[in-house]
Amino acid sequence: MLTPTLDTWDDLNVNDPTILKNKRAPADIMNDIECEGAKAFLAEHPEFHVTPFNGQMLAAWCAQRAVPTTRKNLEVAYRDLAERGRLEIPSKPQPQGIETVPVRGGSAVASPTAEETAFLEKVKDDPTLTDHARKKRDALLRRAAVAQRPKFRGGNESPVVV
């Protein structure tokens, strides 16, 4: 692999008087630069598997070349180490056999009570009804439904009987 030009400490001007005017030590500034570089690298490479081993490999790669761990340098290191197979790759979880068991027991639908069955018989559709009779039946059902509303809201009104 051809190694592109890497960032160096000289390029970053850590000892520049304008940077040092905030009275921080060059070592603190260097530490901040490396932390920002690592954060930027991780933000751009979600596929990078973060492990202590992989972090040490990237840091060692930069230390061998005496360069800071800037985003650019970390990207070059990552590409180089990945091409040479030097980084840990997460193992894919093996799919586990899923066993389905049929549900045993009663029906999933509750049977209607005797009162509900009688009501459903009264309101079931009758194919022999004319349009006029069907509209009249639907109007009665609508009135019954409206009258039932207070009952379910806690009202004490008696329901309309169809």
C-alpha atoms as a PDB file:
ATOM      1  CA  MET A   1       0.000   0.000   0.000  1.00  0.00           C
ATOM      2  CA  LEU A   2       1.252   3.449  -0.827  1.00  0.00           C
ATOM      3  CA  THR A   3       1.183   5.540   2.308  1.00  0.00           C
ATOM      4  CA  PRO A   4      -0.111   9.049   1.713  1.00  0.00           C
ATOM      5  CA  THR A   5       1.518  12.019   3.394  1.00  0.00           C
ATOM      6  CA  LEU A   6       0.695  11.842   7.082  1.00  0.00           C
ATOM      7  CA  ASP A   7       0.012  14.688   9.485  1.00  0.00           C
ATOM      8  CA  THR A   8       3.027  15.420  11.681  1.00  0.00           C
ATOM      9  CA  TRP A   9       3.442  17.334  14.908  1.00  0.00           C
ATOM     10  CA  ASP A  10       5.373  19.987  13.013  1.00  0.00           C
ATOM     11  CA  ASP A  11       2.411  20.477  10.665  1.00  0.00           C
ATOM     12  CA  LEU A  12       0.144  21.094  13.654  1.00  0.00           C
ATOM     13  CA  ASN A  13       2.356  23.893  15.120  1.00  0.00           C
ATOM     14  CA  VAL A  14       1.813  22.803  18.695  1.00  0.00           C
ATOM     15  CA  ASN A  15       4.562  25.125  19.931  1.00  0.00           C
ATOM     16  CA  ASP A  16       3.187  28.134  18.023  1.00  0.00           C
ATOM     17  CA  PRO A  17       3.036  31.186  20.333  1.00  0.00           C
ATOM     18  CA  THR A  18      -0.498  32.053  19.164  1.00  0.00           C
ATOM     19  CA  ILE A  19      -1.731  28.618  20.259  1.00  0.00           C
ATOM     20  CA  LEU A  20       0.194  28.804  23.547  1.00  0.00           C
ATOM     21  CA  LYS A  21      -1.258  32.228  24.508  1.00  0.00           C
ATOM     22  CA  ASN A  22      -3.996  30.489  26.528  1.00  0.00           C
ATOM     23  CA  LYS A  23      -1.146  29.303  28.820  1.00  0.00           C
ATOM     24  CA  ARG A  24      -1.726  25.599  28.296  1.00  0.00           C
ATOM     25  CA  ALA A  25       1.162  23.203  28.092  1.00  0.00           C
ATOM     26  CA  PRO A  26       2.007  21.802  24.635  1.00  0.00           C
ATOM     27  CA  ALA A  27       1.410  18.296  26.024  1.00  0.00           C
ATOM     28  CA  ASP A  28      -2.198  19.231  26.916  1.00  0.00           C
ATOM     29  CA  ILE A  29      -2.744  20.677  23.447  1.00  0.00           C
ATOM     30  CA  MET A  30      -1.291  17.539  21.869  1.00  0.00           C
ATOM     31  CA  ASN A  31      -3.599  15.377  23.980  1.00  0.00           C
ATOM     32  CA  ASP A  32      -6.642  17.446  22.894  1.00  0.00           C
ATOM     33  CA  ILE A  33      -5.644  17.123  19.223  1.00  0.00           C
ATOM     34  CA  GLU A  34      -5.346  13.347  19.525  1.00  0.00           C
ATOM     35  CA  CYS A  35      -8.695  13.033  21.345  1.00  0.00           C
ATOM     36  CA  GLU A  36     -10.456  15.135  18.715  1.00  0.00           C
ATOM     37  CA  GLY A  37      -8.839  13.069  15.950  1.00  0.00           C
ATOM     38  CA  ALA A  38     -10.019   9.811  17.518  1.00  0.00           C
ATOM     39  CA  LYS A  39     -13.576  11.134  17.997  1.00  0.00           C
ATOM     40  CA  ALA A  40     -13.746  12.374  14.399  1.00  0.00           C
ATOM     41  CA  PHE A  41     -12.411   9.043  13.101  1.00  0.00           C
ATOM     42  CA  LEU A  42     -15.003   7.034  15.077  1.00  0.00           C
ATOM     43  CA  ALA A  43     -17.807   9.339  13.921  1.00  0.00           C
ATOM     44  CA  GLU A  44     -16.840   8.750  10.270  1.00  0.00           C
ATOM     45  CA  HIS A  45     -16.273   4.994  10.583  1.00  0.00           C
ATOM     46  CA  PRO A  46     -19.213   3.288  12.304  1.00  0.00           C
ATOM     47  CA  GLU A  47     -18.053  -0.006  10.750  1.00  0.00           C
ATOM     48  CA  PHE A  48     -14.874   0.104  12.865  1.00  0.00           C
ATOM     49  CA  HIS A  49     -15.148  -2.546  15.562  1.00  0.00           C
ATOM     50  CA  VAL A  50     -14.136  -0.769  18.773  1.00  0.00           C
ATOM     51  CA  THR A  51     -12.072  -3.124  20.953  1.00  0.00           C
ATOM     52  CA  PRO A  52      -9.011  -2.524  23.124  1.00  0.00           C
ATOM     53  CA  PHE A  53      -6.942  -4.575  20.666  1.00  0.00           C
ATOM     54  CA  ASN A  54      -8.026  -2.556  17.627  1.00  0.00           C
ATOM     55  CA  GLY A  55      -7.421   0.715  19.501  1.00  0.00           C
ATOM     56  CA  GLN A  56      -3.940  -0.411  20.504  1.00  0.00           C
ATOM     57  CA  MET A  57      -3.161  -1.440  16.934  1.00  0.00           C
ATOM     58  CA  LEU A  58      -4.120   1.996  15.568  1.00  0.00           C
ATOM     59  CA  ALA A  59      -2.166   3.772  18.318  1.00  0.00           C
ATOM     60  CA  ALA A  60       0.886   1.540  17.739  1.00  0.00           C
ATOM     61  CA  TRP A  61       0.733   2.190  13.987  1.00  0.00           C
ATOM     62  CA  CYS A  62       0.842   5.943  14.620  1.00  0.00           C
ATOM     63  CA  ALA A  63       3.514   5.618  17.332  1.00  0.00           C
ATOM     64  CA  GLN A  64       5.788   3.610  14.988  1.00  0.00           C
ATOM     65  CA  ARG A  65       5.700   6.484  12.543  1.00  0.00           C
ATOM     66  CA  ALA A  66       5.887   9.171  15.279  1.00  0.00           C
ATOM     67  CA  VAL A  67       2.738  10.883  14.027  1.00  0.00           C
ATOM     68  CA  PRO A  68      -0.267  12.180  15.972  1.00  0.00           C
ATOM     69  CA  THR A  69      -3.526  10.272  15.978  1.00  0.00           C
ATOM     70  CA  THR A  70      -5.398  12.775  13.833  1.00  0.00           C
ATOM     71  CA  ARG A  71      -8.404  11.714  11.832  1.00  0.00           C
ATOM     72  CA  LYS A  72      -6.375  11.534   8.616  1.00  0.00           C
ATOM     73  CA  ASN A  73      -3.622   9.434  10.197  1.00  0.00           C
ATOM     74  CA  LEU A  74      -6.136   7.085  11.826  1.00  0.00           C
ATOM     75  CA  GLU A  75      -7.930   6.586   8.511  1.00  0.00           C
ATOM     76  CA  VAL A  76      -4.645   5.682   6.809  1.00  0.00           C
ATOM     77  CA  ALA A  77      -3.752   3.345   9.676  1.00  0.00           C
ATOM     78  CA  TYR A  78      -7.186   1.724   9.612  1.00  0.00           C
ATOM     79  CA  ARG A  79      -7.034   1.122   5.868  1.00  0.00           C
ATOM     80  CA  ASP A  80      -3.487  -0.302   6.100  1.00  0.00           C
ATOM     81  CA  LEU A  81      -4.225  -2.584   9.064  1.00  0.00           C
ATOM     82  CA  ALA A  82      -7.523  -3.777   7.587  1.00  0.00           C
ATOM     83  CA  GLU A  83      -5.875  -4.638   4.246  1.00  0.00           C
ATOM     84  CA  ARG A  84      -3.234  -6.661   6.056  1.00  0.00           C
ATOM     85  CA  GLY A  85      -5.835  -8.396   8.259  1.00  0.00           C
ATOM     86  CA  ARG A  86      -4.362  -7.081  11.510  1.00  0.00           C
ATOM     87  CA  LEU A  87      -7.624  -5.902  13.093  1.00  0.00           C
ATOM     88  CA  GLU A  88     -10.173  -7.940  15.020  1.00  0.00           C
ATOM     89  CA  ILE A  89     -13.343  -8.516  13.058  1.00  0.00           C
ATOM     90  CA  PRO A  90     -16.475  -9.208  15.079  1.00  0.00           C
ATOM     91  CA  SER A  91     -17.746 -12.718  14.637  1.00  0.00           C
ATOM     92  CA  LYS A  92     -21.252 -12.912  13.303  1.00  0.00           C
ATOM     93  CA  PRO A  93     -23.628 -14.550  15.751  1.00  0.00           C
ATOM     94  CA  GLN A  94     -24.670 -17.983  14.596  1.00  0.00           C
ATOM     95  CA  PRO A  95     -28.409 -18.191  13.980  1.00  0.00           C
ATOM     96  CA  GLN A  96     -30.038 -20.338  16.587  1.00  0.00           C
ATOM     97  CA  GLY A  97     -32.683 -22.846  15.619  1.00  0.00           C
ATOM     98  CA  ILE A  98     -36.103 -21.514  16.406  1.00  0.00           C
ATOM     99  CA  GLU A  99     -38.637 -24.123  17.327  1.00  0.00           C
ATOM    100  CA  THR A 100     -42.264 -23.191  16.948  1.00  0.00           C
ATOM    101  CA  VAL A 101     -44.810 -24.891  19.136  1.00  0.00           C
ATOM    102  CA  PRO A 102     -48.477 -24.790  18.181  1.00  0.00           C
ATOM    103  CA  VAL A 103     -50.794 -23.314  20.781  1.00  0.00           C
ATOM    104  CA  ARG A 104     -52.872 -25.925  22.493  1.00  0.00           C
ATOM    105  CA  GLY A 105     -56.151 -25.237  24.148  1.00  0.00           C
ATOM    106  CA  GLY A 106     -59.383 -23.447  23.429  1.00  0.00           C
ATOM    107  CA  SER A 107     -60.339 -21.133  20.667  1.00  0.00           C
ATOM    108  CA  ALA A 108     -58.651 -17.763  20.428  1.00  0.00           C
ATOM    109  CA  VAL A 109     -62.084 -16.140  20.114  1.00  0.00           C
ATOM    110  CA  ALA A 110     -64.447 -16.076  23.054  1.00  0.00           C
ATOM    111  CA  SER A 111     -67.879 -17.504  22.376  1.00  0.00           C
ATOM    112  CA  PRO A 112     -70.680 -14.937  22.651  1.00  0.00           C
ATOM    113  CA  THR A 113     -72.955 -15.109  25.671  1.00  0.00           C
ATOM    114  CA  ALA A 114     -76.630 -16.039  25.291  1.00  0.00           C
ATOM    115  CA  GLU A 115     -77.608 -12.361  25.496  1.00  0.00           C
ATOM    116  CA  GLU A 116     -75.050 -11.430  22.824  1.00  0.00           C
ATOM    117  CA  THR A 117     -76.205 -14.286  20.586  1.00  0.00           C
ATOM    118  CA  ALA A 118     -79.823 -13.133  20.838  1.00  0.00           C
ATOM    119  CA  PHE A 119     -78.850  -9.562  20.023  1.00  0.00           C
ATOM    120  CA  LEU A 120     -76.724 -10.649  17.047  1.00  0.00           C
ATOM    121  CA  GLU A 121     -79.665 -12.678  15.715  1.00  0.00           C
ATOM    122  CA  LYS A 122     -81.882  -9.592  15.851  1.00  0.00           C
ATOM    123  CA  VAL A 123     -79.408  -7.360  14.013  1.00  0.00           C
ATOM    124  CA  LYS A 124     -78.000  -9.751  11.439  1.00  0.00           C
ATOM    125  CA  ASP A 125     -78.513  -8.744   7.854  1.00  0.00           C
ATOM    126  CA  ASP A 126     -81.663 -10.060   6.254  1.00  0.00           C
ATOM    127  CA  PRO A 127     -81.302 -10.405   2.471  1.00  0.00           C
ATOM    128  CA  THR A 128     -85.094 -10.230   2.054  1.00  0.00           C
ATOM    129  CA  LEU A 129     -85.270  -6.648   3.375  1.00  0.00           C
ATOM    130  CA  THR A 130     -86.079  -3.869   0.969  1.00  0.00           C
ATOM    131  CA  ASP A 131     -83.974  -0.717   0.894  1.00  0.00           C
ATOM    132  CA  HIS A 132     -86.648   1.133   2.874  1.00  0.00           C
ATOM    133  CA  ALA A 133     -86.792  -1.573   5.562  1.00  0.00           C
ATOM    134  CA  ARG A 134     -82.982  -1.753   5.763  1.00  0.00           C
ATOM    135  CA  LYS A 135     -82.742   2.042   6.257  1.00  0.00           C
ATOM    136  CA  LYS A 136     -85.387   1.882   8.967  1.00  0.00           C
ATOM    137  CA  ARG A 137     -83.509  -0.957  10.746  1.00  0.00           C
ATOM    138  CA  ASP A 138     -80.185   0.925  10.478  1.00  0.00           C
ATOM    139  CA  ALA A 139     -81.809   4.043  11.980  1.00  0.00           C
ATOM    140  CA  LEU A 140     -83.044   1.981  14.943  1.00  0.00           C
ATOM    141  CA  LEU A 141     -79.596   0.464  15.418  1.00  0.00           C
ATOM    142  CA  ARG A 142     -77.985   3.900  15.283  1.00  0.00           C
ATOM    143  CA  ARG A 143     -80.392   5.207  17.951  1.00  0.00           C
ATOM    144  CA  ALA A 144     -79.674   2.160  20.097  1.00  0.00           C
ATOM    145  CA  ALA A 145     -75.913   2.692  19.764  1.00  0.00           C
ATOM    146  CA  VAL A 146     -76.200   6.374  20.705  1.00  0.00           C
ATOM    147  CA  ALA A 147     -78.374   5.480  23.680  1.00  0.00           C
ATOM    148  CA  GLN A 148     -75.811   2.911  24.848  1.00  0.00           C
ATOM    149  CA  ARG A 149     -72.947   5.437  24.931  1.00  0.00           C
ATOM    150  CA  PRO A 150     -73.745   6.928  28.350  1.00  0.00           C
ATOM    151  CA  LYS A 151     -73.896   3.401  29.773  1.00  0.00           C
ATOM    152  CA  PHE A 152     -70.256   2.835  28.824  1.00  0.00           C
ATOM    153  CA  ARG A 153     -69.224   6.279  30.047  1.00  0.00           C
ATOM    154  CA  GLY A 154     -70.696   5.594  33.452  1.00  0.00           C
ATOM    155  CA  GLY A 155     -74.172   7.029  32.834  1.00  0.00           C
ATOM    156  CA  ASN A 156     -77.301   5.508  34.370  1.00  0.00           C
ATOM    157  CA  GLU A 157     -79.595   5.735  31.349  1.00  0.00           C
ATOM    158  CA  SER A 158     -81.437   2.603  30.374  1.00  0.00           C
ATOM    159  CA  PRO A 159     -80.504   1.092  26.980  1.00  0.00           C
ATOM    160  CA  VAL A 160     -82.888   1.178  24.039  1.00  0.00           C
ATOM    161  CA  VAL A 161     -84.237  -2.280  23.239  1.00  0.00           C
ATOM    162  CA  VAL A 162     -84.404  -3.278  19.604  1.00  0.00           C
END
